[in-house]
Each structure stands twice: as C-alpha cells, then as structure tokens.
C-alpha cells in the first residue's frame, strides 16, 4: 500500500462489476474529474498481476459487493466474503459497498462503509472530500486482516482444529 497522500486512484471497481452501482456513479464522478477505474466488457482494469497489485496499492476506495448482489441469478441468496475484501483492506483501501454477514461476524464489526444506493455518487464525492475521517477504519481493517485473516492464520486455525479431532 501507499500512504493516502500518494494514492492517485480515487475509486476502483475490479473483477465482478455491479452494473447498477456503476451506472449511478460513473457520469457524476467523471464529470468531477474523479479518477474512477472500472472494468468494461472489452478489458479488465489491470493487464496483469503486477499492475493489479500496484493499482490496488494506489487506490483510496475499493468497491466491494457480494455476488448475491452483483449476480443474483448465479448466487441466489448466498452471501459470502471474497478475497477482494481482504486484498482491498491489505492495500489500505476504504471498502465501499456491502460487507457479507459472515465477514461482520469474523471481524466483530462492519469493516465496510455501506453504500447509499439512493445517491452513491454524492456519497463517493463526500467520502473523498473527507477521506481523513476514514483513516481509523482503514487502519483497523488493515491490522485486523494482518492479525487474523491471512492464509497463514487460516492454516494455523485449520491445523488446530484438525489436531484436536485426531487426538
């Protein structure tokens, strides 16, 4: 991650795109000259892994919605946390969208800023104008991911569970 003063991508949507959200924010953000990166049908936001890592590190706000919202026909009512949330928090991005219930349980708090679908463009503009207000949440999310939600943490938890069942 970069310090927030060096982050030059204001808002990033990568991977699965929530079309309704994108339609509600894109024109307003682009007219305000807000640096908004998003995938299109023709191309992904980043060409390769290295540019993805660099781009996420330079991002202030990362858009994260569970699949049951972005592609309900595929997911039905199954709502689950994906790596996108953890990658965003490890890069010290503010997560904007919706945190799945299981994530709130795992974290012990809601790590995302819940999107206001009535006026998400205004919400994004307000967040960017007052970004320093979110430093505490961004830092808390980063520390929580590093302390409890890395693959090493997961493996240690799984190993402990397995060893208790074997004995």
N, C-alpha and C. Protein backbone atom coordinates (compact mmCIF):
# COMPACT_ATOMS: atom_id res chain seq x y z
N UNK A 1 0.83 -1.19 0.00
CA UNK A 1 0.00 0.00 0.00
C UNK A 1 0.87 1.24 0.00
N UNK A 2 0.28 2.34 -0.43
CA UNK A 2 0.93 3.64 -0.37
C UNK A 2 0.22 4.48 0.70
N UNK A 3 0.91 5.47 1.24
CA UNK A 3 0.21 6.40 2.15
C UNK A 3 -0.94 7.07 1.38
N UNK A 4 -1.99 7.44 2.07
CA UNK A 4 -3.16 8.01 1.39
C UNK A 4 -2.81 9.24 0.57
N UNK A 5 -1.81 10.00 1.00
CA UNK A 5 -1.40 11.20 0.25
C UNK A 5 -0.80 10.85 -1.11
N UNK A 6 -0.35 9.59 -1.29
CA UNK A 6 0.25 9.17 -2.55
C UNK A 6 -0.69 8.30 -3.40
N UNK A 7 -1.88 8.08 -2.92
CA UNK A 7 -2.84 7.27 -3.67
C UNK A 7 -3.49 8.14 -4.73
N UNK A 8 -3.41 7.73 -6.00
CA UNK A 8 -3.93 8.57 -7.08
C UNK A 8 -5.10 7.95 -7.85
N UNK A 9 -5.57 6.79 -7.42
CA UNK A 9 -6.81 6.23 -7.95
C UNK A 9 -7.86 6.47 -6.87
N UNK A 10 -8.85 7.30 -7.18
CA UNK A 10 -9.84 7.65 -6.17
C UNK A 10 -10.76 6.49 -5.84
N UNK A 11 -11.26 5.82 -6.86
CA UNK A 11 -12.19 4.71 -6.65
C UNK A 11 -11.95 3.64 -7.70
N UNK A 12 -11.98 2.39 -7.24
CA UNK A 12 -11.68 1.26 -8.10
C UNK A 12 -12.76 0.19 -7.96
N UNK A 13 -13.23 -0.26 -9.10
CA UNK A 13 -14.10 -1.43 -9.15
C UNK A 13 -13.37 -2.45 -10.01
N UNK A 14 -13.08 -3.61 -9.45
CA UNK A 14 -12.36 -4.63 -10.22
C UNK A 14 -13.06 -5.97 -10.08
N UNK A 15 -12.79 -6.82 -11.04
CA UNK A 15 -13.44 -8.13 -11.02
C UNK A 15 -14.90 -8.00 -11.43
N UNK A 16 -15.77 -8.67 -10.67
CA UNK A 16 -17.20 -8.59 -10.94
C UNK A 16 -17.65 -7.14 -10.81
N UNK A 17 -18.41 -6.66 -11.76
CA UNK A 17 -18.89 -5.28 -11.74
C UNK A 17 -20.36 -5.25 -11.34
N UNK A 18 -20.72 -4.36 -10.43
CA UNK A 18 -22.11 -4.16 -10.06
C UNK A 18 -22.64 -3.06 -10.98
N UNK A 19 -23.29 -3.49 -12.04
CA UNK A 19 -23.69 -2.59 -13.12
C UNK A 19 -24.55 -1.43 -12.64
N UNK A 20 -25.54 -1.68 -11.78
CA UNK A 20 -26.42 -0.62 -11.29
C UNK A 20 -25.62 0.44 -10.54
N UNK A 21 -24.71 0.01 -9.68
CA UNK A 21 -23.87 0.96 -8.94
C UNK A 21 -23.03 1.78 -9.92
N UNK A 22 -22.39 1.11 -10.86
CA UNK A 22 -21.56 1.79 -11.86
C UNK A 22 -22.37 2.84 -12.63
N UNK A 23 -23.57 2.47 -13.06
CA UNK A 23 -24.42 3.40 -13.82
C UNK A 23 -24.80 4.62 -12.99
N UNK A 24 -24.95 4.43 -11.69
CA UNK A 24 -25.35 5.54 -10.83
C UNK A 24 -24.21 6.49 -10.49
N UNK A 25 -22.96 6.04 -10.64
CA UNK A 25 -21.84 6.90 -10.24
C UNK A 25 -20.97 7.39 -11.38
N UNK A 26 -20.88 6.65 -12.47
CA UNK A 26 -19.83 6.93 -13.47
C UNK A 26 -19.89 8.34 -14.05
N UNK A 27 -21.02 8.78 -14.54
CA UNK A 27 -21.08 10.11 -15.16
C UNK A 27 -20.75 11.22 -14.17
N UNK A 28 -21.32 11.14 -12.98
CA UNK A 28 -21.08 12.18 -11.96
C UNK A 28 -19.62 12.23 -11.55
N UNK A 29 -19.01 11.06 -11.35
CA UNK A 29 -17.61 11.05 -10.93
C UNK A 29 -16.69 11.53 -12.03
N UNK A 30 -16.93 11.07 -13.24
CA UNK A 30 -16.08 11.50 -14.35
C UNK A 30 -16.23 13.00 -14.61
N UNK A 31 -17.44 13.54 -14.44
CA UNK A 31 -17.63 14.99 -14.64
C UNK A 31 -16.93 15.81 -13.55
N UNK A 32 -16.71 15.20 -12.39
CA UNK A 32 -15.98 15.86 -11.30
C UNK A 32 -14.47 15.60 -11.38
N UNK A 33 -14.05 14.93 -12.44
CA UNK A 33 -12.64 14.58 -12.66
C UNK A 33 -12.08 13.70 -11.54
N UNK A 34 -12.95 12.84 -11.02
CA UNK A 34 -12.54 11.85 -10.03
C UNK A 34 -11.98 10.66 -10.78
N UNK A 35 -10.82 10.20 -10.37
CA UNK A 35 -10.16 9.09 -11.05
C UNK A 35 -10.86 7.78 -10.66
N UNK A 36 -11.75 7.32 -11.51
CA UNK A 36 -12.55 6.13 -11.30
C UNK A 36 -12.14 5.07 -12.31
N UNK A 37 -11.63 3.97 -11.81
CA UNK A 37 -11.20 2.85 -12.65
C UNK A 37 -12.21 1.72 -12.52
N UNK A 38 -12.63 1.16 -13.66
CA UNK A 38 -13.63 0.10 -13.65
C UNK A 38 -13.44 -0.78 -14.89
N UNK A 39 -13.85 -2.04 -14.80
CA UNK A 39 -13.73 -2.92 -15.96
C UNK A 39 -14.81 -2.64 -16.99
N UNK A 40 -14.52 -2.97 -18.22
CA UNK A 40 -15.52 -2.90 -19.28
C UNK A 40 -15.64 -4.29 -19.88
N UNK A 41 -16.59 -4.46 -20.77
CA UNK A 41 -16.73 -5.76 -21.44
C UNK A 41 -15.51 -6.05 -22.30
N UNK A 42 -14.83 -5.01 -22.76
CA UNK A 42 -13.68 -5.18 -23.63
C UNK A 42 -12.38 -5.43 -22.88
N UNK A 43 -12.25 -4.86 -21.68
CA UNK A 43 -10.98 -5.03 -20.98
C UNK A 43 -11.12 -4.95 -19.47
N UNK A 44 -10.19 -5.65 -18.83
CA UNK A 44 -10.12 -5.60 -17.37
C UNK A 44 -9.42 -4.30 -16.98
N UNK A 45 -9.49 -3.96 -15.72
CA UNK A 45 -8.87 -2.73 -15.24
C UNK A 45 -7.35 -2.82 -15.33
N UNK A 46 -6.80 -3.95 -14.96
CA UNK A 46 -5.35 -4.13 -14.94
C UNK A 46 -4.97 -5.29 -15.86
N UNK A 47 -3.88 -5.13 -16.57
CA UNK A 47 -3.48 -6.12 -17.57
C UNK A 47 -2.87 -7.38 -16.97
N UNK A 48 -2.23 -7.24 -15.80
CA UNK A 48 -1.55 -8.40 -15.22
C UNK A 48 -1.49 -8.25 -13.70
N UNK A 49 -0.96 -9.27 -13.06
CA UNK A 49 -0.92 -9.32 -11.60
C UNK A 49 -0.13 -8.14 -11.01
N UNK A 50 1.00 -7.83 -11.62
CA UNK A 50 1.85 -6.76 -11.10
C UNK A 50 1.13 -5.41 -11.16
N UNK A 51 0.47 -5.13 -12.26
CA UNK A 51 -0.23 -3.85 -12.36
C UNK A 51 -1.46 -3.83 -11.45
N UNK A 52 -2.07 -5.00 -11.21
CA UNK A 52 -3.18 -5.08 -10.26
C UNK A 52 -2.70 -4.74 -8.85
N UNK A 53 -1.61 -5.34 -8.42
CA UNK A 53 -1.07 -5.08 -7.08
C UNK A 53 -0.70 -3.61 -6.93
N UNK A 54 -0.02 -3.07 -7.92
CA UNK A 54 0.36 -1.64 -7.91
C UNK A 54 -0.88 -0.75 -7.90
N UNK A 55 -1.85 -1.06 -8.72
CA UNK A 55 -3.07 -0.26 -8.80
C UNK A 55 -3.87 -0.28 -7.52
N UNK A 56 -4.01 -1.44 -6.92
CA UNK A 56 -4.75 -1.53 -5.66
C UNK A 56 -4.02 -0.77 -4.55
N UNK A 57 -2.70 -0.81 -4.57
CA UNK A 57 -1.92 -0.08 -3.57
C UNK A 57 -2.11 1.43 -3.71
N UNK A 58 -2.43 1.89 -4.93
CA UNK A 58 -2.60 3.33 -5.18
C UNK A 58 -4.07 3.77 -5.10
N UNK A 59 -4.95 2.89 -4.60
CA UNK A 59 -6.39 3.16 -4.58
C UNK A 59 -6.87 3.62 -3.20
N UNK A 60 -7.73 4.63 -3.20
CA UNK A 60 -8.34 5.11 -1.97
C UNK A 60 -9.57 4.29 -1.59
N UNK A 61 -10.51 4.15 -2.53
CA UNK A 61 -11.78 3.46 -2.27
C UNK A 61 -11.88 2.25 -3.19
N UNK A 62 -12.16 1.09 -2.60
CA UNK A 62 -12.36 -0.13 -3.37
C UNK A 62 -13.82 -0.54 -3.23
N UNK A 63 -14.47 -0.76 -4.36
CA UNK A 63 -15.88 -1.14 -4.39
C UNK A 63 -15.98 -2.65 -4.18
N UNK A 64 -16.73 -3.07 -3.17
CA UNK A 64 -16.88 -4.49 -2.86
C UNK A 64 -18.33 -4.82 -2.53
N UNK A 65 -18.91 -5.69 -3.34
CA UNK A 65 -20.25 -6.20 -3.11
C UNK A 65 -20.21 -7.71 -3.21
N UNK A 66 -20.99 -8.41 -2.41
CA UNK A 66 -21.04 -9.87 -2.56
C UNK A 66 -21.75 -10.26 -3.86
N UNK A 67 -21.49 -11.46 -4.33
CA UNK A 67 -22.04 -11.95 -5.60
C UNK A 67 -23.56 -11.96 -5.61
N UNK A 68 -24.19 -12.20 -4.46
CA UNK A 68 -25.65 -12.25 -4.46
C UNK A 68 -26.27 -10.90 -4.82
N UNK A 69 -25.49 -9.83 -4.76
CA UNK A 69 -25.96 -8.51 -5.18
C UNK A 69 -25.56 -8.25 -6.64
N UNK A 70 -24.32 -8.56 -6.98
CA UNK A 70 -23.84 -8.26 -8.34
C UNK A 70 -24.38 -9.23 -9.38
N UNK A 71 -24.55 -10.47 -9.01
CA UNK A 71 -25.02 -11.51 -9.94
C UNK A 71 -25.96 -12.47 -9.21
N UNK A 72 -27.09 -11.94 -8.83
CA UNK A 72 -28.03 -12.72 -8.01
C UNK A 72 -28.52 -13.98 -8.73
N UNK A 73 -28.60 -13.95 -10.05
CA UNK A 73 -29.05 -15.13 -10.79
C UNK A 73 -28.09 -16.30 -10.61
N UNK A 74 -26.83 -16.01 -10.35
CA UNK A 74 -25.82 -17.04 -10.18
C UNK A 74 -25.70 -17.47 -8.71
N UNK A 75 -25.78 -16.52 -7.81
CA UNK A 75 -25.52 -16.80 -6.40
C UNK A 75 -26.77 -17.08 -5.58
N UNK A 76 -27.92 -16.67 -6.09
CA UNK A 76 -29.14 -16.82 -5.29
C UNK A 76 -29.04 -15.96 -4.06
N UNK A 77 -29.35 -16.53 -2.91
CA UNK A 77 -29.27 -15.73 -1.68
C UNK A 77 -28.01 -16.04 -0.87
N UNK A 78 -27.02 -16.68 -1.51
CA UNK A 78 -25.76 -16.98 -0.82
C UNK A 78 -24.89 -15.74 -0.84
N UNK A 79 -24.54 -15.30 0.34
CA UNK A 79 -23.73 -14.09 0.51
C UNK A 79 -22.44 -14.49 1.21
N UNK A 80 -21.31 -14.29 0.57
CA UNK A 80 -20.05 -14.71 1.17
C UNK A 80 -18.93 -13.72 0.90
N UNK A 81 -17.96 -13.72 1.79
CA UNK A 81 -16.80 -12.86 1.66
C UNK A 81 -15.87 -13.43 0.60
N UNK A 82 -15.32 -12.56 -0.23
CA UNK A 82 -14.34 -12.98 -1.23
C UNK A 82 -12.98 -12.35 -0.92
N UNK A 83 -11.96 -12.81 -1.64
CA UNK A 83 -10.62 -12.25 -1.45
C UNK A 83 -10.56 -10.76 -1.75
N UNK A 84 -11.46 -10.28 -2.59
CA UNK A 84 -11.48 -8.86 -2.96
C UNK A 84 -11.50 -7.97 -1.71
N UNK A 85 -12.29 -8.33 -0.71
CA UNK A 85 -12.38 -7.55 0.52
C UNK A 85 -11.03 -7.55 1.23
N UNK A 86 -10.44 -8.73 1.40
CA UNK A 86 -9.17 -8.83 2.11
C UNK A 86 -8.04 -8.15 1.34
N UNK A 87 -8.01 -8.32 0.02
CA UNK A 87 -7.00 -7.66 -0.81
C UNK A 87 -7.11 -6.14 -0.66
N UNK A 88 -8.32 -5.64 -0.67
CA UNK A 88 -8.54 -4.19 -0.55
C UNK A 88 -8.07 -3.68 0.80
N UNK A 89 -8.40 -4.40 1.86
CA UNK A 89 -8.00 -3.96 3.20
C UNK A 89 -6.51 -4.09 3.42
N UNK A 90 -5.88 -5.12 2.84
CA UNK A 90 -4.44 -5.27 2.94
C UNK A 90 -3.71 -4.15 2.20
N UNK A 91 -4.38 -3.54 1.22
CA UNK A 91 -3.82 -2.42 0.47
C UNK A 91 -4.21 -1.07 1.06
N UNK A 92 -4.82 -1.13 2.22
CA UNK A 92 -5.30 0.07 2.94
C UNK A 92 -6.25 0.92 2.09
N UNK A 93 -7.17 0.23 1.43
CA UNK A 93 -8.26 0.91 0.74
C UNK A 93 -9.45 0.98 1.69
N UNK A 94 -10.26 1.99 1.52
CA UNK A 94 -11.54 2.03 2.21
C UNK A 94 -12.49 1.17 1.39
N UNK A 95 -13.15 0.23 2.03
CA UNK A 95 -14.09 -0.65 1.34
C UNK A 95 -15.47 0.01 1.35
N UNK A 96 -16.00 0.21 0.15
CA UNK A 96 -17.33 0.79 -0.02
C UNK A 96 -18.21 -0.23 -0.73
N UNK A 97 -19.36 -0.50 -0.18
CA UNK A 97 -20.27 -1.46 -0.79
C UNK A 97 -21.15 -2.10 0.26
N UNK A 98 -20.94 -3.40 0.47
CA UNK A 98 -21.68 -4.14 1.48
C UNK A 98 -20.82 -5.28 1.98
N UNK A 99 -20.69 -5.37 3.28
CA UNK A 99 -19.96 -6.49 3.87
C UNK A 99 -20.93 -7.65 4.07
N UNK A 100 -20.54 -8.85 3.67
CA UNK A 100 -21.38 -10.02 3.93
C UNK A 100 -21.51 -10.26 5.44
N UNK A 101 -22.62 -10.84 5.85
CA UNK A 101 -22.87 -11.08 7.27
C UNK A 101 -21.75 -11.90 7.90
N UNK A 102 -21.24 -12.92 7.17
CA UNK A 102 -20.17 -13.75 7.74
C UNK A 102 -18.91 -12.93 8.00
N UNK A 103 -18.67 -11.93 7.19
CA UNK A 103 -17.49 -11.09 7.36
C UNK A 103 -17.64 -10.23 8.62
N UNK A 104 -18.80 -9.70 8.82
CA UNK A 104 -19.06 -8.90 10.02
C UNK A 104 -18.87 -9.77 11.26
N UNK A 105 -19.32 -11.02 11.20
CA UNK A 105 -19.13 -11.96 12.31
C UNK A 105 -17.65 -12.25 12.53
N UNK A 106 -16.92 -12.54 11.44
CA UNK A 106 -15.49 -12.85 11.55
C UNK A 106 -14.68 -11.67 12.08
N UNK A 107 -15.03 -10.47 11.66
CA UNK A 107 -14.28 -9.29 12.07
C UNK A 107 -14.74 -8.75 13.43
N UNK A 108 -15.97 -9.02 13.79
CA UNK A 108 -16.51 -8.49 15.05
C UNK A 108 -17.02 -7.07 14.90
N UNK A 109 -17.06 -6.57 13.69
CA UNK A 109 -17.57 -5.23 13.37
C UNK A 109 -17.78 -5.18 11.86
N UNK A 110 -18.43 -4.13 11.38
CA UNK A 110 -18.63 -3.99 9.94
C UNK A 110 -17.43 -3.24 9.35
N UNK A 111 -16.61 -3.93 8.56
CA UNK A 111 -15.40 -3.29 8.01
C UNK A 111 -15.65 -2.44 6.76
N UNK A 112 -16.87 -2.45 6.25
CA UNK A 112 -17.19 -1.70 5.03
C UNK A 112 -18.03 -0.48 5.34
N UNK A 113 -17.92 0.51 4.49
CA UNK A 113 -18.85 1.63 4.50
C UNK A 113 -20.00 1.20 3.60
N UNK A 114 -21.17 1.09 4.18
CA UNK A 114 -22.34 0.63 3.43
C UNK A 114 -22.72 1.71 2.41
N UNK A 115 -22.90 1.28 1.18
CA UNK A 115 -23.21 2.22 0.10
C UNK A 115 -24.64 2.75 0.23
N UNK A 116 -24.81 3.99 -0.12
CA UNK A 116 -26.13 4.62 -0.19
C UNK A 116 -26.57 4.55 -1.64
N UNK A 117 -27.39 3.56 -1.96
CA UNK A 117 -27.79 3.36 -3.35
C UNK A 117 -28.76 4.43 -3.85
N UNK A 118 -29.27 5.27 -2.96
CA UNK A 118 -30.13 6.37 -3.41
C UNK A 118 -29.29 7.44 -4.09
N UNK A 119 -28.08 7.66 -3.60
CA UNK A 119 -27.21 8.67 -4.19
C UNK A 119 -25.74 8.29 -3.96
N UNK A 120 -25.28 7.21 -4.59
CA UNK A 120 -23.91 6.77 -4.35
C UNK A 120 -22.84 7.72 -4.87
N UNK A 121 -23.13 8.47 -5.94
CA UNK A 121 -22.13 9.41 -6.46
C UNK A 121 -21.84 10.49 -5.43
N UNK A 122 -22.89 11.04 -4.83
CA UNK A 122 -22.71 12.05 -3.78
C UNK A 122 -21.94 11.46 -2.61
N UNK A 123 -22.25 10.22 -2.25
CA UNK A 123 -21.55 9.57 -1.15
C UNK A 123 -20.06 9.45 -1.44
N UNK A 124 -19.71 9.02 -2.64
CA UNK A 124 -18.29 8.88 -3.01
C UNK A 124 -17.60 10.24 -2.97
N UNK A 125 -18.24 11.25 -3.53
CA UNK A 125 -17.66 12.61 -3.53
C UNK A 125 -17.46 13.10 -2.10
N UNK A 126 -18.43 12.85 -1.23
CA UNK A 126 -18.32 13.25 0.18
C UNK A 126 -17.19 12.50 0.89
N UNK A 127 -17.08 11.20 0.62
CA UNK A 127 -16.01 10.42 1.23
C UNK A 127 -14.65 10.96 0.81
N UNK A 128 -14.48 11.21 -0.48
CA UNK A 128 -13.19 11.72 -0.96
C UNK A 128 -12.87 13.10 -0.39
N UNK A 129 -13.89 13.92 -0.21
CA UNK A 129 -13.68 15.26 0.35
C UNK A 129 -13.30 15.20 1.83
N UNK A 130 -13.67 14.12 2.49
CA UNK A 130 -13.41 13.97 3.93
C UNK A 130 -12.69 12.65 4.20
N UNK A 131 -11.77 12.30 3.33
CA UNK A 131 -11.14 10.98 3.40
C UNK A 131 -10.43 10.72 4.73
N UNK A 132 -9.87 11.75 5.32
CA UNK A 132 -9.14 11.57 6.58
C UNK A 132 -10.04 11.04 7.69
N UNK A 133 -11.36 11.25 7.59
CA UNK A 133 -12.31 10.73 8.59
C UNK A 133 -12.31 9.20 8.63
N UNK A 134 -11.84 8.58 7.56
CA UNK A 134 -11.90 7.12 7.44
C UNK A 134 -10.58 6.44 7.79
N UNK A 135 -9.58 7.22 8.17
CA UNK A 135 -8.26 6.67 8.48
C UNK A 135 -8.33 5.63 9.58
N UNK A 136 -9.09 5.89 10.62
CA UNK A 136 -9.19 4.94 11.74
C UNK A 136 -9.76 3.59 11.27
N UNK A 137 -10.82 3.61 10.47
CA UNK A 137 -11.41 2.37 9.95
C UNK A 137 -10.44 1.66 9.01
N UNK A 138 -9.78 2.39 8.14
CA UNK A 138 -8.82 1.80 7.20
C UNK A 138 -7.70 1.11 7.96
N UNK A 139 -7.15 1.79 8.98
CA UNK A 139 -6.07 1.21 9.78
C UNK A 139 -6.56 0.00 10.59
N UNK A 140 -7.75 0.09 11.14
CA UNK A 140 -8.32 -1.03 11.90
C UNK A 140 -8.51 -2.25 10.99
N UNK A 141 -9.02 -2.02 9.79
CA UNK A 141 -9.21 -3.12 8.84
C UNK A 141 -7.87 -3.76 8.48
N UNK A 142 -6.88 -2.94 8.20
CA UNK A 142 -5.56 -3.44 7.84
C UNK A 142 -4.99 -4.30 8.97
N UNK A 143 -5.03 -3.77 10.18
CA UNK A 143 -4.49 -4.50 11.33
C UNK A 143 -5.25 -5.79 11.59
N UNK A 144 -6.56 -5.78 11.40
CA UNK A 144 -7.37 -6.98 11.60
C UNK A 144 -7.05 -8.04 10.55
N UNK A 145 -6.88 -7.62 9.30
CA UNK A 145 -6.52 -8.57 8.24
C UNK A 145 -5.16 -9.19 8.53
N UNK A 146 -4.19 -8.37 8.85
CA UNK A 146 -2.83 -8.87 9.10
C UNK A 146 -2.81 -9.81 10.31
N UNK A 147 -3.55 -9.47 11.34
CA UNK A 147 -3.53 -10.26 12.57
C UNK A 147 -4.33 -11.55 12.48
N UNK A 148 -5.47 -11.52 11.78
CA UNK A 148 -6.39 -12.67 11.84
C UNK A 148 -6.77 -13.30 10.50
N UNK A 149 -6.56 -12.63 9.38
CA UNK A 149 -7.17 -13.11 8.15
C UNK A 149 -6.19 -13.34 6.99
N UNK A 150 -4.98 -13.75 7.29
CA UNK A 150 -4.06 -14.15 6.24
C UNK A 150 -4.18 -15.66 6.05
N UNK A 151 -3.62 -16.17 4.96
CA UNK A 151 -3.65 -17.62 4.76
C UNK A 151 -2.88 -18.34 5.86
N UNK A 152 -1.85 -17.73 6.37
CA UNK A 152 -1.10 -18.34 7.49
C UNK A 152 -2.01 -18.47 8.70
N UNK A 153 -2.79 -17.43 9.00
CA UNK A 153 -3.74 -17.51 10.11
C UNK A 153 -4.76 -18.62 9.88
N UNK A 154 -5.26 -18.70 8.67
CA UNK A 154 -6.26 -19.72 8.34
C UNK A 154 -5.67 -21.12 8.53
N UNK A 155 -4.44 -21.31 8.04
CA UNK A 155 -3.80 -22.61 8.15
C UNK A 155 -3.59 -22.99 9.62
N UNK A 156 -3.17 -22.05 10.43
CA UNK A 156 -2.97 -22.33 11.85
C UNK A 156 -4.29 -22.73 12.51
N UNK A 157 -5.37 -22.04 12.16
CA UNK A 157 -6.69 -22.39 12.71
C UNK A 157 -7.12 -23.78 12.26
N UNK A 158 -6.96 -24.06 10.99
CA UNK A 158 -7.35 -25.36 10.45
C UNK A 158 -6.51 -26.46 11.10
N UNK A 159 -5.21 -26.24 11.23
CA UNK A 159 -4.32 -27.23 11.84
C UNK A 159 -4.73 -27.52 13.27
N UNK A 160 -5.07 -26.49 14.01
CA UNK A 160 -5.51 -26.66 15.40
C UNK A 160 -6.79 -27.49 15.47
N UNK A 161 -7.72 -27.20 14.61
CA UNK A 161 -8.99 -27.94 14.58
C UNK A 161 -8.74 -29.40 14.22
N UNK A 162 -7.92 -29.63 13.21
CA UNK A 162 -7.62 -30.99 12.78
C UNK A 162 -6.91 -31.78 13.89
N UNK A 163 -5.94 -31.15 14.52
CA UNK A 163 -5.18 -31.86 15.57
C UNK A 163 -6.08 -32.20 16.76
N UNK A 164 -7.04 -31.38 17.07
CA UNK A 164 -7.96 -31.67 18.18
C UNK A 164 -8.87 -32.84 17.83
N UNK A 165 -9.25 -32.96 16.59
CA UNK A 165 -10.14 -34.05 16.15
C UNK A 165 -9.40 -35.37 16.07
N UNK A 166 -8.10 -35.32 15.79
CA UNK A 166 -7.31 -36.55 15.65
C UNK A 166 -7.01 -37.12 17.03
N UNK A 167 -6.75 -36.29 17.97
CA UNK A 167 -6.35 -36.74 19.31
C UNK A 167 -7.48 -37.30 20.07
